[in-house]
Amino acid sequence: MDKQLATILFESLASGVRLDVFRLLVKHAPDGLVAGEIALALELPATNLSFHLKALTQASLITVTQEGRYQRYRANLVIMQDLINYLTAECYTGLVEQCFDAPIATDCCAKN
């Protein structure tokens, strides 16, 4: 993965709605959900949802397959794993396995 693709993926997930959609689809992997099920679960109007599904599909974060009159959406877990690998590739100078054994700073995001 390169920086440009990583940036596109992060921009796509920068919307709270799109992040909710992606996480919902991860929860329902590998089967995915049809658009109506996503809208119902997230309490979103279909017109609002279609905009976000299109953005996620264009970024390759989700895939879509036609099933009769319905479209089934699935999280692209491979590209998400590639993004995680991209983010952690330089951890401990490439010794990624050590990164997850290191102590995690829990106060990094505390509000002052």
C-alpha atoms as a PDB file:
ATOM      1  CA  MET A   1       0.000   0.000   0.000  1.00  0.00           C
ATOM      2  CA  ASP A   2       1.211   3.482  -0.736  1.00  0.00           C
ATOM      3  CA  LYS A   3       0.603   6.805   1.007  1.00  0.00           C
ATOM      4  CA  GLN A   4      -1.910   7.980  -1.592  1.00  0.00           C
ATOM      5  CA  LEU A   5      -4.147   4.922  -1.158  1.00  0.00           C
ATOM      6  CA  ALA A   6      -3.868   5.106   2.644  1.00  0.00           C
ATOM      7  CA  THR A   7      -4.965   8.747   2.475  1.00  0.00           C
ATOM      8  CA  ILE A   8      -7.970   7.856   0.315  1.00  0.00           C
ATOM      9  CA  LEU A   9      -9.004   5.158   2.770  1.00  0.00           C
ATOM     10  CA  PHE A  10      -8.715   7.466   5.763  1.00  0.00           C
ATOM     11  CA  GLU A  11     -10.648  10.212   3.976  1.00  0.00           C
ATOM     12  CA  SER A  12     -13.415   7.717   3.246  1.00  0.00           C
ATOM     13  CA  LEU A  13     -13.629   6.685   6.878  1.00  0.00           C
ATOM     14  CA  ALA A  14     -13.505  10.280   8.160  1.00  0.00           C
ATOM     15  CA  SER A  15     -17.306  10.434   8.113  1.00  0.00           C
ATOM     16  CA  GLY A  16     -19.012   9.087  11.207  1.00  0.00           C
ATOM     17  CA  VAL A  17     -21.725   7.495   9.076  1.00  0.00           C
ATOM     18  CA  ARG A  18     -19.233   5.737   6.805  1.00  0.00           C
ATOM     19  CA  LEU A  19     -17.263   4.533   9.803  1.00  0.00           C
ATOM     20  CA  ASP A  20     -20.485   3.122  11.298  1.00  0.00           C
ATOM     21  CA  VAL A  21     -21.345   1.421   8.000  1.00  0.00           C
ATOM     22  CA  PHE A  22     -17.905  -0.149   7.694  1.00  0.00           C
ATOM     23  CA  ARG A  23     -17.909  -1.386  11.300  1.00  0.00           C
ATOM     24  CA  LEU A  24     -21.399  -2.836  10.845  1.00  0.00           C
ATOM     25  CA  LEU A  25     -20.270  -4.694   7.729  1.00  0.00           C
ATOM     26  CA  VAL A  26     -17.202  -6.008   9.565  1.00  0.00           C
ATOM     27  CA  LYS A  27     -19.543  -7.323  12.242  1.00  0.00           C
ATOM     28  CA  HIS A  28     -21.528  -9.139   9.541  1.00  0.00           C
ATOM     29  CA  ALA A  29     -18.535 -10.506   7.630  1.00  0.00           C
ATOM     30  CA  PRO A  30     -18.293 -12.488   5.465  1.00  0.00           C
ATOM     31  CA  ASP A  31     -21.977 -12.490   4.498  1.00  0.00           C
ATOM     32  CA  GLY A  32     -22.484  -8.730   4.468  1.00  0.00           C
ATOM     33  CA  LEU A  33     -25.829  -6.958   4.392  1.00  0.00           C
ATOM     34  CA  VAL A  34     -28.184  -5.547   1.795  1.00  0.00           C
ATOM     35  CA  ALA A  35     -28.693  -1.799   1.769  1.00  0.00           C
ATOM     36  CA  GLY A  36     -32.081  -1.968   3.499  1.00  0.00           C
ATOM     37  CA  GLU A  37     -30.608  -3.939   6.390  1.00  0.00           C
ATOM     38  CA  ILE A  38     -27.818  -1.384   6.779  1.00  0.00           C
ATOM     39  CA  ALA A  39     -30.292   1.508   6.727  1.00  0.00           C
ATOM     40  CA  LEU A  40     -32.495  -0.188   9.313  1.00  0.00           C
ATOM     41  CA  ALA A  41     -29.601  -1.084  11.630  1.00  0.00           C
ATOM     42  CA  LEU A  42     -28.162   2.438  11.525  1.00  0.00           C
ATOM     43  CA  GLU A  43     -31.522   4.228  11.322  1.00  0.00           C
ATOM     44  CA  LEU A  44     -30.537   6.081   8.159  1.00  0.00           C
ATOM     45  CA  PRO A  45     -32.714   7.232   5.263  1.00  0.00           C
ATOM     46  CA  ALA A  46     -31.984   5.290   2.073  1.00  0.00           C
ATOM     47  CA  THR A  47     -30.960   8.416   0.151  1.00  0.00           C
ATOM     48  CA  ASN A  48     -28.406   9.368   2.788  1.00  0.00           C
ATOM     49  CA  LEU A  49     -27.074   5.826   2.964  1.00  0.00           C
ATOM     50  CA  SER A  50     -26.623   5.424  -0.791  1.00  0.00           C
ATOM     51  CA  PHE A  51     -24.281   8.428  -0.846  1.00  0.00           C
ATOM     52  CA  HIS A  52     -22.072   6.850   1.826  1.00  0.00           C
ATOM     53  CA  LEU A  53     -22.167   3.372   0.280  1.00  0.00           C
ATOM     54  CA  LYS A  54     -21.019   4.839  -3.021  1.00  0.00           C
ATOM     55  CA  ALA A  55     -18.088   6.615  -1.347  1.00  0.00           C
ATOM     56  CA  LEU A  56     -17.002   3.462   0.486  1.00  0.00           C
ATOM     57  CA  THR A  57     -17.312   1.386  -2.683  1.00  0.00           C
ATOM     58  CA  GLN A  58     -15.266   3.874  -4.718  1.00  0.00           C
ATOM     59  CA  ALA A  59     -12.530   3.722  -2.075  1.00  0.00           C
ATOM     60  CA  SER A  60     -12.640  -0.113  -2.248  1.00  0.00           C
ATOM     61  CA  LEU A  61     -13.406  -0.354   1.468  1.00  0.00           C
ATOM     62  CA  ILE A  62     -16.560  -2.291   0.664  1.00  0.00           C
ATOM     63  CA  THR A  63     -17.608  -4.475  -2.217  1.00  0.00           C
ATOM     64  CA  VAL A  64     -21.062  -4.811  -3.700  1.00  0.00           C
ATOM     65  CA  THR A  65     -22.710  -7.693  -5.523  1.00  0.00           C
ATOM     66  CA  GLN A  66     -26.093  -7.765  -7.197  1.00  0.00           C
ATOM     67  CA  GLU A  67     -28.562 -10.303  -5.814  1.00  0.00           C
ATOM     68  CA  GLY A  68     -31.724 -10.026  -7.835  1.00  0.00           C
ATOM     69  CA  ARG A  69     -33.175  -6.611  -7.031  1.00  0.00           C
ATOM     70  CA  TYR A  70     -30.900  -6.137  -4.040  1.00  0.00           C
ATOM     71  CA  GLN A  71     -27.287  -5.161  -3.656  1.00  0.00           C
ATOM     72  CA  ARG A  72     -25.250  -6.909  -0.960  1.00  0.00           C
ATOM     73  CA  TYR A  73     -22.416  -4.962   0.632  1.00  0.00           C
ATOM     74  CA  ARG A  74     -19.401  -6.539   2.306  1.00  0.00           C
ATOM     75  CA  ALA A  75     -16.436  -5.049   4.141  1.00  0.00           C
ATOM     76  CA  ASN A  76     -13.172  -5.439   2.259  1.00  0.00           C
ATOM     77  CA  LEU A  77     -11.188  -6.896   5.139  1.00  0.00           C
ATOM     78  CA  VAL A  78      -8.126  -7.480   2.972  1.00  0.00           C
ATOM     79  CA  ILE A  79      -7.672  -3.790   2.205  1.00  0.00           C
ATOM     80  CA  MET A  80      -8.289  -2.900   5.857  1.00  0.00           C
ATOM     81  CA  GLN A  81      -5.597  -5.366   6.922  1.00  0.00           C
ATOM     82  CA  ASP A  82      -3.275  -3.844   4.311  1.00  0.00           C
ATOM     83  CA  LEU A  83      -3.952  -0.414   5.830  1.00  0.00           C
ATOM     84  CA  ILE A  84      -3.156  -1.688   9.318  1.00  0.00           C
ATOM     85  CA  ASN A  85       0.034  -3.268   7.984  1.00  0.00           C
ATOM     86  CA  TYR A  86       0.957   0.021   6.307  1.00  0.00           C
ATOM     87  CA  LEU A  87       0.467   1.895   9.580  1.00  0.00           C
ATOM     88  CA  THR A  88       2.545  -0.539  11.618  1.00  0.00           C
ATOM     89  CA  ALA A  89       5.239  -1.442   9.067  1.00  0.00           C
ATOM     90  CA  GLU A  90       7.864   0.797  10.648  1.00  0.00           C
ATOM     91  CA  CYS A  91       6.997   0.004  14.249  1.00  0.00           C
ATOM     92  CA  TYR A  92      10.204  -0.854  16.093  1.00  0.00           C
ATOM     93  CA  THR A  93      12.053  -0.440  12.802  1.00  0.00           C
ATOM     94  CA  GLY A  94      10.119  -3.168  11.068  1.00  0.00           C
ATOM     95  CA  LEU A  95       9.873  -5.612  13.976  1.00  0.00           C
ATOM     96  CA  VAL A  96       6.098  -5.379  14.089  1.00  0.00           C
ATOM     97  CA  GLU A  97       5.677  -8.321  16.444  1.00  0.00           C
ATOM     98  CA  GLN A  98       7.373  -6.273  19.189  1.00  0.00           C
ATOM     99  CA  CYS A  99       5.008  -3.353  18.766  1.00  0.00           C
ATOM    100  CA  PHE A 100       2.084  -5.163  20.265  1.00  0.00           C
ATOM    101  CA  ASP A 101       4.099  -6.227  23.305  1.00  0.00           C
ATOM    102  CA  ALA A 102       5.156  -2.648  24.048  1.00  0.00           C
ATOM    103  CA  PRO A 103       3.339  -0.698  26.757  1.00  0.00           C
ATOM    104  CA  ILE A 104       0.573   1.474  25.345  1.00  0.00           C
ATOM    105  CA  ALA A 105       0.313   5.087  26.454  1.00  0.00           C
ATOM    106  CA  THR A 106      -3.213   5.424  27.787  1.00  0.00           C
ATOM    107  CA  ASP A 107      -3.017   9.108  28.572  1.00  0.00           C
ATOM    108  CA  CYS A 108      -2.266  10.213  25.005  1.00  0.00           C
ATOM    109  CA  CYS A 109      -5.765  11.412  24.311  1.00  0.00           C
ATOM    110  CA  ALA A 110      -6.835  12.668  27.730  1.00  0.00           C
ATOM    111  CA  LYS A 111      -8.472  16.051  27.744  1.00  0.00           C
ATOM    112  CA  ASN A 112      -6.720  18.750  29.766  1.00  0.00           C
END
